[in-house]
């Protein structure tokens, strides 16, 4: 069985930049390349939105409890 690979952390500004470049390319380029750029922007945009959804659902808004001191 293939071992699990941990997820790669990608910054949101990088994803937003890729989204912007793809959207501009979709508008500015000729048809074969504009279709690729539009798909690229859609993929980067969906990952950008999912990163916000995952962050909002995973955080409870409070700090984790402090570790118990076992030396007492």
C-alpha atoms as a PDB file:
ATOM      1  CA  UNK A   1       0.000   0.000   0.000  1.00  0.00           C
ATOM      2  CA  UNK A   2       1.219   3.509  -0.789  1.00  0.00           C
ATOM      3  CA  UNK A   3       1.974   5.572   2.349  1.00  0.00           C
ATOM      4  CA  UNK A   4      -0.092   8.698   2.942  1.00  0.00           C
ATOM      5  CA  UNK A   5       1.528  11.924   1.829  1.00  0.00           C
ATOM      6  CA  UNK A   6       0.969  14.962   4.055  1.00  0.00           C
ATOM      7  CA  UNK A   7      -0.819  17.893   2.385  1.00  0.00           C
ATOM      8  CA  UNK A   8       1.269  20.712   0.976  1.00  0.00           C
ATOM      9  CA  UNK A   9       0.728  24.099   2.545  1.00  0.00           C
ATOM     10  CA  UNK A  10       0.258  26.766  -0.124  1.00  0.00           C
ATOM     11  CA  UNK A  11      -0.205  30.398   0.724  1.00  0.00           C
ATOM     12  CA  UNK A  12      -3.449  32.102  -0.182  1.00  0.00           C
ATOM     13  CA  UNK A  13      -1.722  35.075  -1.835  1.00  0.00           C
ATOM     14  CA  UNK A  14       0.007  32.629  -4.197  1.00  0.00           C
ATOM     15  CA  UNK A  15      -3.326  31.001  -5.057  1.00  0.00           C
ATOM     16  CA  UNK A  16      -4.904  34.416  -5.588  1.00  0.00           C
ATOM     17  CA  UNK A  17      -2.020  35.395  -7.873  1.00  0.00           C
ATOM     18  CA  UNK A  18      -2.442  32.227  -9.935  1.00  0.00           C
ATOM     19  CA  UNK A  19      -6.168  32.921 -10.157  1.00  0.00           C
ATOM     20  CA  UNK A  20      -5.519  36.464 -11.380  1.00  0.00           C
ATOM     21  CA  UNK A  21      -2.933  35.384 -13.950  1.00  0.00           C
ATOM     22  CA  UNK A  22      -5.267  32.714 -15.303  1.00  0.00           C
ATOM     23  CA  UNK A  23      -8.201  35.126 -15.517  1.00  0.00           C
ATOM     24  CA  UNK A  24      -6.148  37.772 -17.330  1.00  0.00           C
ATOM     25  CA  UNK A  25      -4.753  35.125 -19.666  1.00  0.00           C
ATOM     26  CA  UNK A  26      -8.264  33.863 -20.417  1.00  0.00           C
ATOM     27  CA  UNK A  27      -9.276  37.339 -21.547  1.00  0.00           C
ATOM     28  CA  UNK A  28      -6.083  38.407 -23.315  1.00  0.00           C
ATOM     29  CA  UNK A  29      -4.959  35.267 -25.183  1.00  0.00           C
ATOM     30  CA  UNK A  30      -6.170  33.620 -28.377  1.00  0.00           C
ATOM     31  CA  UNK A  31      -8.697  30.727 -28.183  1.00  0.00           C
ATOM     32  CA  UNK A  32      -6.511  27.647 -27.676  1.00  0.00           C
ATOM     33  CA  UNK A  33      -4.491  29.328 -24.945  1.00  0.00           C
ATOM     34  CA  UNK A  34      -7.415  31.225 -23.443  1.00  0.00           C
ATOM     35  CA  UNK A  35      -9.253  27.966 -22.751  1.00  0.00           C
ATOM     36  CA  UNK A  36      -6.246  26.604 -20.889  1.00  0.00           C
ATOM     37  CA  UNK A  37      -5.890  29.836 -18.903  1.00  0.00           C
ATOM     38  CA  UNK A  38      -9.598  29.788 -18.010  1.00  0.00           C
ATOM     39  CA  UNK A  39      -9.308  26.224 -16.719  1.00  0.00           C
ATOM     40  CA  UNK A  40      -6.185  27.152 -14.803  1.00  0.00           C
ATOM     41  CA  UNK A  41      -8.006  30.083 -13.183  1.00  0.00           C
ATOM     42  CA  UNK A  42     -10.987  27.891 -12.319  1.00  0.00           C
ATOM     43  CA  UNK A  43      -8.742  25.327 -10.652  1.00  0.00           C
ATOM     44  CA  UNK A  44      -6.775  27.898  -8.679  1.00  0.00           C
ATOM     45  CA  UNK A  45      -9.985  29.665  -7.692  1.00  0.00           C
ATOM     46  CA  UNK A  46     -11.614  26.480  -6.433  1.00  0.00           C
ATOM     47  CA  UNK A  47      -8.565  25.626  -4.317  1.00  0.00           C
ATOM     48  CA  UNK A  48      -8.555  29.222  -3.023  1.00  0.00           C
ATOM     49  CA  UNK A  49     -12.204  28.928  -1.912  1.00  0.00           C
ATOM     50  CA  UNK A  50     -11.714  25.451  -0.430  1.00  0.00           C
ATOM     51  CA  UNK A  51      -8.783  26.742   1.634  1.00  0.00           C
ATOM     52  CA  UNK A  52     -11.099  29.277   3.287  1.00  0.00           C
ATOM     53  CA  UNK A  53     -13.808  26.683   3.871  1.00  0.00           C
ATOM     54  CA  UNK A  54     -11.357  24.225   5.398  1.00  0.00           C
ATOM     55  CA  UNK A  55      -9.862  26.896   7.663  1.00  0.00           C
ATOM     56  CA  UNK A  56     -13.285  28.110   8.848  1.00  0.00           C
ATOM     57  CA  UNK A  57     -14.517  24.604   9.636  1.00  0.00           C
ATOM     58  CA  UNK A  58     -11.353  23.398  11.336  1.00  0.00           C
ATOM     59  CA  UNK A  59     -10.970  26.221  13.833  1.00  0.00           C
ATOM     60  CA  UNK A  60     -13.159  26.454  16.887  1.00  0.00           C
ATOM     61  CA  UNK A  61     -12.091  30.005  17.738  1.00  0.00           C
ATOM     62  CA  UNK A  62     -10.462  29.091  21.028  1.00  0.00           C
ATOM     63  CA  UNK A  63      -6.966  28.120  21.964  1.00  0.00           C
ATOM     64  CA  UNK A  64      -6.250  24.460  22.731  1.00  0.00           C
ATOM     65  CA  UNK A  65      -6.152  23.579  26.417  1.00  0.00           C
ATOM     66  CA  UNK A  66      -2.723  23.757  28.039  1.00  0.00           C
ATOM     67  CA  UNK A  67      -0.924  20.445  28.542  1.00  0.00           C
ATOM     68  CA  UNK A  68      -1.367  18.840  31.929  1.00  0.00           C
ATOM     69  CA  UNK A  69       1.562  18.995  34.306  1.00  0.00           C
ATOM     70  CA  UNK A  70       2.336  15.443  35.385  1.00  0.00           C
ATOM     71  CA  UNK A  71       5.160  16.403  37.794  1.00  0.00           C
ATOM     72  CA  UNK A  72       2.810  17.004  40.769  1.00  0.00           C
END
